[in-house]
Amino acid sequence: MVTLTSKKLLMRRATLDRSAAQKTALSPAAAPRKYRPTFLVRAGGYLFYGLMGFLVYAGWKTRHLEYLTAERGLGYQLGITGGTILLVLLLYPLRKKARFMQGWGPVKHWFRIHMALGVLAPVCILFHANFKLGSANSNVALFSMLAVAGSGLVGRFLYTRIHFGLYGSRATLVDLKNELANEEAEVNQVLGFAPHVRARLHTLAEQTLSAPGSLPRVVGRALFAGLKHRWLRGRLLRDVDRELNAHVRKAGPSAAVLQARQKRAGRWIGEYMETLTRISEIDFFARLFSFWHVLHLPLFFMLLAAGLFHVFAVHAY
């Protein structure tokens, strides 16, 4: 009786341990911290940037009509507005660094506003200048602004390569490895009918996770990983179709079941290959992003100095 009770206790403890392990593996802390914007957020972003692009195009095409001038009226006000927005852009790095601003809302919302204002300010200044060159000091300010705007677009691209989405948290190699492990478990289940495809994916993962070695190899992996994995994904999907057709001849599932398996296998292979691509790229793009940070801030301060000198020169002379 005592022995039977002890066995029951041991079995119950083992069940509890397995349950705790599963909860730990699936907990938010262990999973990559992704951010998926809602439809309204995505639609609002597309609408805003589309509107800015349309305004720039319309302003460029009608610049010869001289609707706006930098010296007076709306053109002058747009110059003041653009310069003020450039000063407001400094609030985002302050929000990240200043201790007294740590509780002023989520950083992702500040980042979203920072990007929107980083587009709005150049548009205002372009209309202020009526898309034309002027005096030497105004040209310096204008080209400084264009350099900062171009640098911001480059930074936006690099940011997305080392974060879980544009507004997600910073990705690390550990996060990506955990994500790959979760996806591998799902892929092994989905591709139970295709052991050859599973083996090729496992081999590819081992090669990707191996030490990159020299700097040229790191750069080469980052630049060509996307093309390589898209090509391999196409080959693997063809292998999946072939394995499924062979499975149909043996087991004879319905067409609906076959289509569902194809769709599910394609989705998980795509996500798996995307994670492998990000693992190949993250070290390279993290280094580029650090270098971009060193370059972007001096460019911005150069813009502020040129803009302040331009305002002083216009009003003093």
C-alpha atoms as a PDB file:
ATOM      1  CA  MET A   1       0.000   0.000   0.000  1.00  0.00           C
ATOM      2  CA  VAL A   2       2.839   2.358   0.885  1.00  0.00           C
ATOM      3  CA  THR A   3       4.670   1.406  -2.287  1.00  0.00           C
ATOM      4  CA  LEU A   4       1.590   2.058  -4.398  1.00  0.00           C
ATOM      5  CA  THR A   5       1.078   5.465  -2.768  1.00  0.00           C
ATOM      6  CA  SER A   6       4.737   6.369  -3.354  1.00  0.00           C
ATOM      7  CA  LYS A   7       4.429   5.450  -7.019  1.00  0.00           C
ATOM      8  CA  LYS A   8       1.345   7.642  -7.365  1.00  0.00           C
ATOM      9  CA  LEU A   9       3.156  10.555  -5.744  1.00  0.00           C
ATOM     10  CA  LEU A  10       6.144  10.120  -8.056  1.00  0.00           C
ATOM     11  CA  MET A  11       3.902   9.944 -11.115  1.00  0.00           C
ATOM     12  CA  ARG A  12       2.005  13.042  -9.999  1.00  0.00           C
ATOM     13  CA  ARG A  13       5.269  14.951  -9.404  1.00  0.00           C
ATOM     14  CA  ALA A  14       6.557  13.956 -12.844  1.00  0.00           C
ATOM     15  CA  THR A  15       3.309  15.198 -14.422  1.00  0.00           C
ATOM     16  CA  LEU A  16       3.589  18.511 -12.584  1.00  0.00           C
ATOM     17  CA  ASP A  17       7.226  18.884 -13.672  1.00  0.00           C
ATOM     18  CA  ARG A  18       6.316  18.291 -17.307  1.00  0.00           C
ATOM     19  CA  SER A  19       3.483  20.799 -17.065  1.00  0.00           C
ATOM     20  CA  ALA A  20       5.804  23.408 -15.530  1.00  0.00           C
ATOM     21  CA  ALA A  21       8.400  22.797 -18.226  1.00  0.00           C
ATOM     22  CA  GLN A  22       5.795  23.261 -20.949  1.00  0.00           C
ATOM     23  CA  LYS A  23       4.573  26.514 -19.371  1.00  0.00           C
ATOM     24  CA  THR A  24       8.157  27.786 -19.151  1.00  0.00           C
ATOM     25  CA  ALA A  25       8.845  26.908 -22.771  1.00  0.00           C
ATOM     26  CA  LEU A  26       5.697  28.674 -23.918  1.00  0.00           C
ATOM     27  CA  SER A  27       5.923  31.668 -21.589  1.00  0.00           C
ATOM     28  CA  PRO A  28       6.184  35.185 -23.087  1.00  0.00           C
ATOM     29  CA  ALA A  29       9.662  35.622 -21.586  1.00  0.00           C
ATOM     30  CA  ALA A  30      10.984  32.621 -23.481  1.00  0.00           C
ATOM     31  CA  ALA A  31       9.276  33.492 -26.754  1.00  0.00           C
ATOM     32  CA  PRO A  32      10.489  36.241 -29.077  1.00  0.00           C
ATOM     33  CA  ARG A  33       8.766  39.533 -28.313  1.00  0.00           C
ATOM     34  CA  LYS A  34       7.079  40.374 -31.603  1.00  0.00           C
ATOM     35  CA  TYR A  35       4.892  43.346 -32.347  1.00  0.00           C
ATOM     36  CA  ARG A  36       2.218  43.025 -35.000  1.00  0.00           C
ATOM     37  CA  PRO A  37       0.519  46.353 -35.799  1.00  0.00           C
ATOM     38  CA  THR A  38      -3.240  46.359 -36.222  1.00  0.00           C
ATOM     39  CA  PHE A  39      -4.921  46.948 -39.551  1.00  0.00           C
ATOM     40  CA  LEU A  40      -5.769  50.537 -38.600  1.00  0.00           C
ATOM     41  CA  VAL A  41      -2.146  51.274 -37.665  1.00  0.00           C
ATOM     42  CA  ARG A  42      -0.877  49.838 -40.960  1.00  0.00           C
ATOM     43  CA  ALA A  43      -3.554  51.627 -42.992  1.00  0.00           C
ATOM     44  CA  GLY A  44      -2.814  54.907 -41.207  1.00  0.00           C
ATOM     45  CA  GLY A  45       0.878  54.578 -41.968  1.00  0.00           C
ATOM     46  CA  TYR A  46       0.264  53.834 -45.646  1.00  0.00           C
ATOM     47  CA  LEU A  47      -2.165  56.754 -45.880  1.00  0.00           C
ATOM     48  CA  PHE A  48       0.237  59.201 -44.223  1.00  0.00           C
ATOM     49  CA  TYR A  49       3.302  58.274 -46.274  1.00  0.00           C
ATOM     50  CA  GLY A  50       1.236  58.080 -49.452  1.00  0.00           C
ATOM     51  CA  LEU A  51      -0.121  61.567 -48.783  1.00  0.00           C
ATOM     52  CA  MET A  52       3.393  62.921 -48.165  1.00  0.00           C
ATOM     53  CA  GLY A  53       4.591  61.390 -51.418  1.00  0.00           C
ATOM     54  CA  PHE A  54       1.659  62.867 -53.326  1.00  0.00           C
ATOM     55  CA  LEU A  55       2.272  66.336 -51.852  1.00  0.00           C
ATOM     56  CA  VAL A  56       5.956  66.235 -52.794  1.00  0.00           C
ATOM     57  CA  TYR A  57       5.078  65.170 -56.339  1.00  0.00           C
ATOM     58  CA  ALA A  58       2.405  67.879 -56.668  1.00  0.00           C
ATOM     59  CA  GLY A  59       4.718  70.544 -55.245  1.00  0.00           C
ATOM     60  CA  TRP A  60       7.500  69.582 -57.627  1.00  0.00           C
ATOM     61  CA  LYS A  61       5.211  69.668 -60.663  1.00  0.00           C
ATOM     62  CA  THR A  62       3.745  73.088 -59.752  1.00  0.00           C
ATOM     63  CA  ARG A  63       6.915  74.795 -58.483  1.00  0.00           C
ATOM     64  CA  HIS A  64       7.072  77.057 -61.561  1.00  0.00           C
ATOM     65  CA  LEU A  65       3.722  78.642 -60.646  1.00  0.00           C
ATOM     66  CA  GLU A  66       5.316  80.314 -57.602  1.00  0.00           C
ATOM     67  CA  TYR A  67       2.385  79.690 -55.277  1.00  0.00           C
ATOM     68  CA  LEU A  68       4.757  79.838 -52.291  1.00  0.00           C
ATOM     69  CA  THR A  69       7.723  82.035 -51.478  1.00  0.00           C
ATOM     70  CA  ALA A  70      10.151  81.630 -48.601  1.00  0.00           C
ATOM     71  CA  GLU A  71      10.011  85.297 -47.578  1.00  0.00           C
ATOM     72  CA  ARG A  72       6.324  85.698 -46.713  1.00  0.00           C
ATOM     73  CA  GLY A  73       2.951  84.104 -46.229  1.00  0.00           C
ATOM     74  CA  LEU A  74       2.400  80.362 -46.097  1.00  0.00           C
ATOM     75  CA  GLY A  75       5.874  79.612 -47.479  1.00  0.00           C
ATOM     76  CA  TYR A  76       7.486  81.484 -44.587  1.00  0.00           C
ATOM     77  CA  GLN A  77       5.220  79.753 -42.047  1.00  0.00           C
ATOM     78  CA  LEU A  78       6.103  76.343 -43.470  1.00  0.00           C
ATOM     79  CA  GLY A  79       9.784  77.131 -42.946  1.00  0.00           C
ATOM     80  CA  ILE A  80       9.124  78.005 -39.293  1.00  0.00           C
ATOM     81  CA  THR A  81       7.005  74.859 -38.902  1.00  0.00           C
ATOM     82  CA  GLY A  82       9.655  72.619 -40.442  1.00  0.00           C
ATOM     83  CA  GLY A  83      12.400  74.080 -38.253  1.00  0.00           C
ATOM     84  CA  THR A  84      10.268  73.648 -35.118  1.00  0.00           C
ATOM     85  CA  ILE A  85       9.549  70.018 -36.004  1.00  0.00           C
ATOM     86  CA  LEU A  86      13.292  69.405 -36.370  1.00  0.00           C
ATOM     87  CA  LEU A  87      13.760  70.594 -32.785  1.00  0.00           C
ATOM     88  CA  VAL A  88      10.892  68.376 -31.612  1.00  0.00           C
ATOM     89  CA  LEU A  89      12.705  65.375 -33.121  1.00  0.00           C
ATOM     90  CA  LEU A  90      15.249  65.676 -30.307  1.00  0.00           C
ATOM     91  CA  LEU A  91      12.596  64.514 -27.840  1.00  0.00           C
ATOM     92  CA  TYR A  92      12.835  60.891 -29.043  1.00  0.00           C
ATOM     93  CA  PRO A  93      16.511  60.336 -28.095  1.00  0.00           C
ATOM     94  CA  LEU A  94      15.831  62.245 -24.865  1.00  0.00           C
ATOM     95  CA  ARG A  95      12.938  59.887 -24.102  1.00  0.00           C
ATOM     96  CA  LYS A  96      15.296  56.936 -24.448  1.00  0.00           C
ATOM     97  CA  LYS A  97      18.201  58.392 -22.451  1.00  0.00           C
ATOM     98  CA  ALA A  98      16.860  60.954 -19.969  1.00  0.00           C
ATOM     99  CA  ARG A  99      15.921  59.455 -16.615  1.00  0.00           C
ATOM    100  CA  PHE A 100      13.117  61.936 -15.899  1.00  0.00           C
ATOM    101  CA  MET A 101      11.331  60.902 -19.155  1.00  0.00           C
ATOM    102  CA  GLN A 102      11.354  57.134 -18.548  1.00  0.00           C
ATOM    103  CA  GLY A 103       7.670  57.074 -17.630  1.00  0.00           C
ATOM    104  CA  TRP A 104       6.471  59.201 -20.536  1.00  0.00           C
ATOM    105  CA  GLY A 105       4.724  56.479 -22.519  1.00  0.00           C
ATOM    106  CA  PRO A 106       6.035  53.471 -24.501  1.00  0.00           C
ATOM    107  CA  VAL A 107       9.144  54.068 -26.605  1.00  0.00           C
ATOM    108  CA  LYS A 108       7.513  52.466 -29.667  1.00  0.00           C
ATOM    109  CA  HIS A 109       4.925  55.275 -29.797  1.00  0.00           C
ATOM    110  CA  TRP A 110       7.670  57.893 -29.551  1.00  0.00           C
ATOM    111  CA  PHE A 111       9.521  56.111 -32.343  1.00  0.00           C
ATOM    112  CA  ARG A 112       6.422  56.111 -34.540  1.00  0.00           C
ATOM    113  CA  ILE A 113       5.953  59.857 -34.001  1.00  0.00           C
ATOM    114  CA  HIS A 114       9.679  60.445 -34.569  1.00  0.00           C
ATOM    115  CA  MET A 115       9.521  58.737 -37.974  1.00  0.00           C
ATOM    116  CA  ALA A 116       6.367  60.586 -39.011  1.00  0.00           C
ATOM    117  CA  LEU A 117       7.818  63.971 -38.024  1.00  0.00           C
ATOM    118  CA  GLY A 118      11.087  63.028 -39.721  1.00  0.00           C
ATOM    119  CA  VAL A 119       9.108  62.881 -42.984  1.00  0.00           C
ATOM    120  CA  LEU A 120       6.843  65.851 -42.304  1.00  0.00           C
ATOM    121  CA  ALA A 121       9.680  68.300 -41.525  1.00  0.00           C
ATOM    122  CA  PRO A 122      11.497  67.840 -44.888  1.00  0.00           C
ATOM    123  CA  VAL A 123       8.191  68.140 -46.745  1.00  0.00           C
ATOM    124  CA  CYS A 124       7.452  71.466 -45.010  1.00  0.00           C
ATOM    125  CA  ILE A 125      10.940  72.786 -45.777  1.00  0.00           C
ATOM    126  CA  LEU A 126      10.780  71.668 -49.410  1.00  0.00           C
ATOM    127  CA  PHE A 127       7.578  73.648 -49.848  1.00  0.00           C
ATOM    128  CA  HIS A 128       9.177  76.545 -47.950  1.00  0.00           C
ATOM    129  CA  ALA A 129      11.969  76.557 -50.543  1.00  0.00           C
ATOM    130  CA  ASN A 130       9.448  75.902 -53.373  1.00  0.00           C
ATOM    131  CA  PHE A 131      11.694  73.013 -54.476  1.00  0.00           C
ATOM    132  CA  LYS A 132      14.376  75.466 -55.622  1.00  0.00           C
ATOM    133  CA  LEU A 133      17.901  76.383 -54.588  1.00  0.00           C
ATOM    134  CA  GLY A 134      18.555  79.760 -53.010  1.00  0.00           C
ATOM    135  CA  SER A 135      21.422  81.467 -51.245  1.00  0.00           C
ATOM    136  CA  ALA A 136      24.537  79.644 -50.081  1.00  0.00           C
ATOM    137  CA  ASN A 137      23.450  79.340 -46.444  1.00  0.00           C
ATOM    138  CA  SER A 138      19.970  78.155 -47.403  1.00  0.00           C
ATOM    139  CA  ASN A 139      21.442  75.543 -49.759  1.00  0.00           C
ATOM    140  CA  VAL A 140      23.690  74.235 -46.972  1.00  0.00           C
ATOM    141  CA  ALA A 141      20.650  73.915 -44.692  1.00  0.00           C
ATOM    142  CA  LEU A 142      18.590  72.270 -47.442  1.00  0.00           C
ATOM    143  CA  PHE A 143      21.202  69.667 -48.369  1.00  0.00           C
ATOM    144  CA  SER A 144      21.921  68.985 -44.699  1.00  0.00           C
ATOM    145  CA  MET A 145      18.227  68.273 -44.226  1.00  0.00           C
ATOM    146  CA  LEU A 146      18.147  65.949 -47.245  1.00  0.00           C
ATOM    147  CA  ALA A 147      21.218  64.109 -45.928  1.00  0.00           C
ATOM    148  CA  VAL A 148      19.563  63.593 -42.537  1.00  0.00           C
ATOM    149  CA  ALA A 149      16.308  62.469 -44.168  1.00  0.00           C
ATOM    150  CA  GLY A 150      18.192  59.975 -46.344  1.00  0.00           C
ATOM    151  CA  SER A 151      20.116  58.766 -43.311  1.00  0.00           C
ATOM    152  CA  GLY A 152      16.817  58.274 -41.492  1.00  0.00           C
ATOM    153  CA  LEU A 153      15.491  56.058 -44.288  1.00  0.00           C
ATOM    154  CA  VAL A 154      18.651  53.943 -44.140  1.00  0.00           C
ATOM    155  CA  GLY A 155      18.338  53.711 -40.360  1.00  0.00           C
ATOM    156  CA  ARG A 156      14.701  52.639 -40.670  1.00  0.00           C
ATOM    157  CA  PHE A 157      15.722  49.759 -42.930  1.00  0.00           C
ATOM    158  CA  LEU A 158      18.553  48.657 -40.621  1.00  0.00           C
ATOM    159  CA  TYR A 159      16.233  48.920 -37.623  1.00  0.00           C
ATOM    160  CA  THR A 160      13.764  46.455 -39.126  1.00  0.00           C
ATOM    161  CA  ARG A 161      16.551  43.928 -39.746  1.00  0.00           C
ATOM    162  CA  ILE A 162      17.537  43.688 -36.076  1.00  0.00           C
ATOM    163  CA  HIS A 163      14.121  44.066 -34.402  1.00  0.00           C
ATOM    164  CA  PHE A 164      10.944  41.988 -34.311  1.00  0.00           C
ATOM    165  CA  GLY A 165       9.087  44.283 -36.650  1.00  0.00           C
ATOM    166  CA  LEU A 166       9.313  48.042 -36.893  1.00  0.00           C
ATOM    167  CA  TYR A 167       7.870  48.570 -33.397  1.00  0.00           C
ATOM    168  CA  GLY A 168       8.968  45.294 -31.799  1.00  0.00           C
ATOM    169  CA  SER A 169      11.766  44.697 -29.343  1.00  0.00           C
ATOM    170  CA  ARG A 170      15.427  44.280 -30.246  1.00  0.00           C
ATOM    171  CA  ALA A 171      16.175  40.822 -31.593  1.00  0.00           C
ATOM    172  CA  THR A 172      19.113  38.832 -30.290  1.00  0.00           C
ATOM    173  CA  LEU A 173      20.735  35.685 -31.572  1.00  0.00           C
ATOM    174  CA  VAL A 174      19.367  33.831 -28.546  1.00  0.00           C
ATOM    175  CA  ASP A 175      15.820  34.980 -29.356  1.00  0.00           C
ATOM    176  CA  LEU A 176      16.168  33.863 -32.962  1.00  0.00           C
ATOM    177  CA  LYS A 177      17.577  30.480 -31.915  1.00  0.00           C
ATOM    178  CA  ASN A 178      14.614  29.969 -29.562  1.00  0.00           C
ATOM    179  CA  GLU A 179      12.247  30.925 -32.361  1.00  0.00           C
ATOM    180  CA  LEU A 180      13.990  28.497 -34.693  1.00  0.00           C
ATOM    181  CA  ALA A 181      13.696  25.687 -32.127  1.00  0.00           C
ATOM    182  CA  ASN A 182       9.940  26.299 -31.766  1.00  0.00           C
ATOM    183  CA  GLU A 183       9.499  26.365 -35.531  1.00  0.00           C
ATOM    184  CA  GLU A 184      11.602  23.223 -35.974  1.00  0.00           C
ATOM    185  CA  ALA A 185       9.301  21.296 -33.649  1.00  0.00           C
ATOM    186  CA  GLU A 186       6.289  22.415 -35.677  1.00  0.00           C
ATOM    187  CA  VAL A 187       8.012  21.690 -38.999  1.00  0.00           C
ATOM    188  CA  ASN A 188       8.914  18.163 -37.866  1.00  0.00           C
ATOM    189  CA  GLN A 189       5.257  17.554 -37.059  1.00  0.00           C
ATOM    190  CA  VAL A 190       3.896  19.076 -40.260  1.00  0.00           C
ATOM    191  CA  LEU A 191       6.440  17.306 -42.495  1.00  0.00           C
ATOM    192  CA  GLY A 192       5.972  13.864 -41.000  1.00  0.00           C
ATOM    193  CA  PHE A 193       5.308  12.531 -44.517  1.00  0.00           C
ATOM    194  CA  ALA A 194       8.551  14.066 -45.918  1.00  0.00           C
ATOM    195  CA  PRO A 195      11.603  12.904 -43.919  1.00  0.00           C
ATOM    196  CA  HIS A 196      13.922  13.930 -46.760  1.00  0.00           C
ATOM    197  CA  VAL A 197      12.754  17.550 -46.548  1.00  0.00           C
ATOM    198  CA  ARG A 198      13.054  17.531 -42.756  1.00  0.00           C
ATOM    199  CA  ALA A 199      16.620  16.274 -42.974  1.00  0.00           C
ATOM    200  CA  ARG A 200      17.583  18.998 -45.462  1.00  0.00           C
ATOM    201  CA  LEU A 201      16.090  21.698 -43.236  1.00  0.00           C
ATOM    202  CA  HIS A 202      17.951  20.321 -40.214  1.00  0.00           C
ATOM    203  CA  THR A 203      21.242  20.300 -42.141  1.00  0.00           C
ATOM    204  CA  LEU A 204      20.666  23.854 -43.325  1.00  0.00           C
ATOM    205  CA  ALA A 205      19.958  24.979 -39.765  1.00  0.00           C
ATOM    206  CA  GLU A 206      23.199  23.408 -38.525  1.00  0.00           C
ATOM    207  CA  GLN A 207      25.162  25.189 -41.245  1.00  0.00           C
ATOM    208  CA  THR A 208      23.500  28.520 -40.424  1.00  0.00           C
ATOM    209  CA  LEU A 209      24.129  28.203 -36.691  1.00  0.00           C
ATOM    210  CA  SER A 210      27.791  27.387 -37.175  1.00  0.00           C
ATOM    211  CA  ALA A 211      30.354  30.112 -36.406  1.00  0.00           C
ATOM    212  CA  PRO A 212      30.491  32.601 -39.308  1.00  0.00           C
ATOM    213  CA  GLY A 213      34.282  32.962 -39.119  1.00  0.00           C
ATOM    214  CA  SER A 214      35.987  35.866 -40.850  1.00  0.00           C
ATOM    215  CA  LEU A 215      34.444  39.255 -41.614  1.00  0.00           C
ATOM    216  CA  PRO A 216      34.164  38.587 -45.391  1.00  0.00           C
ATOM    217  CA  ARG A 217      32.184  35.450 -44.614  1.00  0.00           C
ATOM    218  CA  VAL A 218      29.877  37.372 -42.259  1.00  0.00           C
ATOM    219  CA  VAL A 219      29.258  39.982 -44.972  1.00  0.00           C
ATOM    220  CA  GLY A 220      28.755  37.353 -47.663  1.00  0.00           C
ATOM    221  CA  ARG A 221      26.270  35.397 -45.568  1.00  0.00           C
ATOM    222  CA  ALA A 222      24.282  38.530 -44.783  1.00  0.00           C
ATOM    223  CA  LEU A 223      24.151  39.809 -48.366  1.00  0.00           C
ATOM    224  CA  PHE A 224      23.234  36.532 -50.048  1.00  0.00           C
ATOM    225  CA  ALA A 225      21.304  34.662 -47.329  1.00  0.00           C
ATOM    226  CA  GLY A 226      17.941  35.982 -48.513  1.00  0.00           C
ATOM    227  CA  LEU A 227      18.484  34.981 -52.151  1.00  0.00           C
ATOM    228  CA  LYS A 228      19.898  31.595 -51.158  1.00  0.00           C
ATOM    229  CA  HIS A 229      17.039  30.758 -48.815  1.00  0.00           C
ATOM    230  CA  ARG A 230      14.345  31.879 -51.267  1.00  0.00           C
ATOM    231  CA  TRP A 231      15.874  29.599 -53.894  1.00  0.00           C
ATOM    232  CA  LEU A 232      16.097  26.699 -51.435  1.00  0.00           C
ATOM    233  CA  ARG A 233      12.533  27.334 -50.290  1.00  0.00           C
ATOM    234  CA  GLY A 234      11.304  26.881 -53.866  1.00  0.00           C
ATOM    235  CA  ARG A 235      13.204  23.593 -54.197  1.00  0.00           C
ATOM    236  CA  LEU A 236      11.920  22.331 -50.843  1.00  0.00           C
ATOM    237  CA  LEU A 237       8.326  23.152 -51.755  1.00  0.00           C
ATOM    238  CA  ARG A 238       8.710  21.180 -54.966  1.00  0.00           C
ATOM    239  CA  ASP A 239      10.045  18.266 -52.904  1.00  0.00           C
ATOM    240  CA  VAL A 240       7.055  18.584 -50.575  1.00  0.00           C
ATOM    241  CA  ASP A 241       4.667  18.388 -53.535  1.00  0.00           C
ATOM    242  CA  ARG A 242       6.469  15.304 -54.800  1.00  0.00           C
ATOM    243  CA  GLU A 243       6.340  13.632 -51.374  1.00  0.00           C
ATOM    244  CA  LEU A 244       2.657  14.501 -51.031  1.00  0.00           C
ATOM    245  CA  ASN A 245       1.843  13.025 -54.425  1.00  0.00           C
ATOM    246  CA  ALA A 246       3.601   9.824 -53.426  1.00  0.00           C
ATOM    247  CA  HIS A 247       1.683   9.846 -50.147  1.00  0.00           C
ATOM    248  CA  VAL A 248      -1.582  10.279 -52.045  1.00  0.00           C
ATOM    249  CA  ARG A 249      -0.897   7.206 -54.136  1.00  0.00           C
ATOM    250  CA  LYS A 250      -0.337   5.163 -50.976  1.00  0.00           C
ATOM    251  CA  ALA A 251      -2.914   6.533 -48.518  1.00  0.00           C
ATOM    252  CA  GLY A 252      -5.262   8.328 -50.900  1.00  0.00           C
ATOM    253  CA  PRO A 253      -6.381  11.395 -48.874  1.00  0.00           C
ATOM    254  CA  SER A 254      -8.972  13.719 -50.357  1.00  0.00           C
ATOM    255  CA  ALA A 255      -8.075  16.761 -52.452  1.00  0.00           C
ATOM    256  CA  ALA A 256      -9.087  19.098 -49.617  1.00  0.00           C
ATOM    257  CA  VAL A 257      -6.758  17.334 -47.179  1.00  0.00           C
ATOM    258  CA  LEU A 258      -3.931  17.433 -49.715  1.00  0.00           C
ATOM    259  CA  GLN A 259      -4.399  21.162 -50.309  1.00  0.00           C
ATOM    260  CA  ALA A 260      -4.482  21.883 -46.562  1.00  0.00           C
ATOM    261  CA  ARG A 261      -1.237  19.940 -46.047  1.00  0.00           C
ATOM    262  CA  GLN A 262       0.448  21.784 -48.897  1.00  0.00           C
ATOM    263  CA  LYS A 263      -0.600  25.165 -47.519  1.00  0.00           C
ATOM    264  CA  ARG A 264       0.477  24.356 -43.963  1.00  0.00           C
ATOM    265  CA  ALA A 265       3.814  22.902 -45.051  1.00  0.00           C
ATOM    266  CA  GLY A 266       4.529  25.907 -47.266  1.00  0.00           C
ATOM    267  CA  ARG A 267       3.744  28.345 -44.463  1.00  0.00           C
ATOM    268  CA  TRP A 268       6.004  26.674 -41.923  1.00  0.00           C
ATOM    269  CA  ILE A 269       8.854  26.158 -44.376  1.00  0.00           C
ATOM    270  CA  GLY A 270       8.602  29.861 -45.272  1.00  0.00           C
ATOM    271  CA  GLU A 271       8.739  30.951 -41.620  1.00  0.00           C
ATOM    272  CA  TYR A 272      11.598  28.551 -40.907  1.00  0.00           C
ATOM    273  CA  MET A 273      13.644  29.846 -43.837  1.00  0.00           C
ATOM    274  CA  GLU A 274      12.885  33.461 -42.860  1.00  0.00           C
ATOM    275  CA  THR A 275      14.255  32.810 -39.360  1.00  0.00           C
ATOM    276  CA  LEU A 276      17.393  31.224 -40.848  1.00  0.00           C
ATOM    277  CA  THR A 277      17.831  34.318 -43.009  1.00  0.00           C
ATOM    278  CA  ARG A 278      17.573  36.618 -40.008  1.00  0.00           C
ATOM    279  CA  ILE A 279      20.105  34.538 -38.077  1.00  0.00           C
ATOM    280  CA  SER A 280      22.507  34.866 -41.013  1.00  0.00           C
ATOM    281  CA  GLU A 281      21.999  38.634 -41.199  1.00  0.00           C
ATOM    282  CA  ILE A 282      21.685  39.830 -37.621  1.00  0.00           C
ATOM    283  CA  ASP A 283      25.381  40.161 -36.756  1.00  0.00           C
ATOM    284  CA  PHE A 284      26.153  42.128 -39.910  1.00  0.00           C
ATOM    285  CA  PHE A 285      23.159  44.466 -39.645  1.00  0.00           C
ATOM    286  CA  ALA A 286      23.737  45.012 -35.914  1.00  0.00           C
ATOM    287  CA  ARG A 287      27.248  46.273 -36.732  1.00  0.00           C
ATOM    288  CA  LEU A 288      25.897  48.492 -39.507  1.00  0.00           C
ATOM    289  CA  PHE A 289      23.237  49.901 -37.197  1.00  0.00           C
ATOM    290  CA  SER A 290      25.865  50.780 -34.579  1.00  0.00           C
ATOM    291  CA  PHE A 291      27.929  52.535 -37.248  1.00  0.00           C
ATOM    292  CA  TRP A 292      24.812  54.352 -38.499  1.00  0.00           C
ATOM    293  CA  HIS A 293      24.112  55.635 -34.984  1.00  0.00           C
ATOM    294  CA  VAL A 294      27.594  57.151 -34.863  1.00  0.00           C
ATOM    295  CA  LEU A 295      26.997  58.917 -38.196  1.00  0.00           C
ATOM    296  CA  HIS A 296      23.344  59.984 -37.893  1.00  0.00           C
ATOM    297  CA  LEU A 297      23.600  62.116 -34.756  1.00  0.00           C
ATOM    298  CA  PRO A 298      26.435  64.362 -36.043  1.00  0.00           C
ATOM    299  CA  LEU A 299      24.519  64.823 -39.295  1.00  0.00           C
ATOM    300  CA  PHE A 300      21.472  65.924 -37.320  1.00  0.00           C
ATOM    301  CA  PHE A 301      23.449  68.438 -35.247  1.00  0.00           C
ATOM    302  CA  MET A 302      25.046  69.731 -38.441  1.00  0.00           C
ATOM    303  CA  LEU A 303      21.516  70.258 -39.777  1.00  0.00           C
ATOM    304  CA  LEU A 304      20.495  72.153 -36.638  1.00  0.00           C
ATOM    305  CA  ALA A 305      23.559  74.386 -36.867  1.00  0.00           C
ATOM    306  CA  ALA A 306      22.964  75.073 -40.567  1.00  0.00           C
ATOM    307  CA  GLY A 307      19.283  75.766 -39.937  1.00  0.00           C
ATOM    308  CA  LEU A 308      19.946  78.166 -37.065  1.00  0.00           C
ATOM    309  CA  PHE A 309      22.558  80.021 -39.121  1.00  0.00           C
ATOM    310  CA  HIS A 310      20.107  80.229 -42.027  1.00  0.00           C
ATOM    311  CA  VAL A 311      17.394  81.717 -39.786  1.00  0.00           C
ATOM    312  CA  PHE A 312      19.859  84.189 -38.320  1.00  0.00           C
ATOM    313  CA  ALA A 313      21.176  85.230 -41.744  1.00  0.00           C
ATOM    314  CA  VAL A 314      17.669  85.710 -43.182  1.00  0.00           C
ATOM    315  CA  HIS A 315      16.462  87.904 -40.318  1.00  0.00           C
ATOM    316  CA  ALA A 316      19.725  89.769 -39.704  1.00  0.00           C
ATOM    317  CA  TYR A 317      20.378  90.725 -43.321  1.00  0.00           C
END
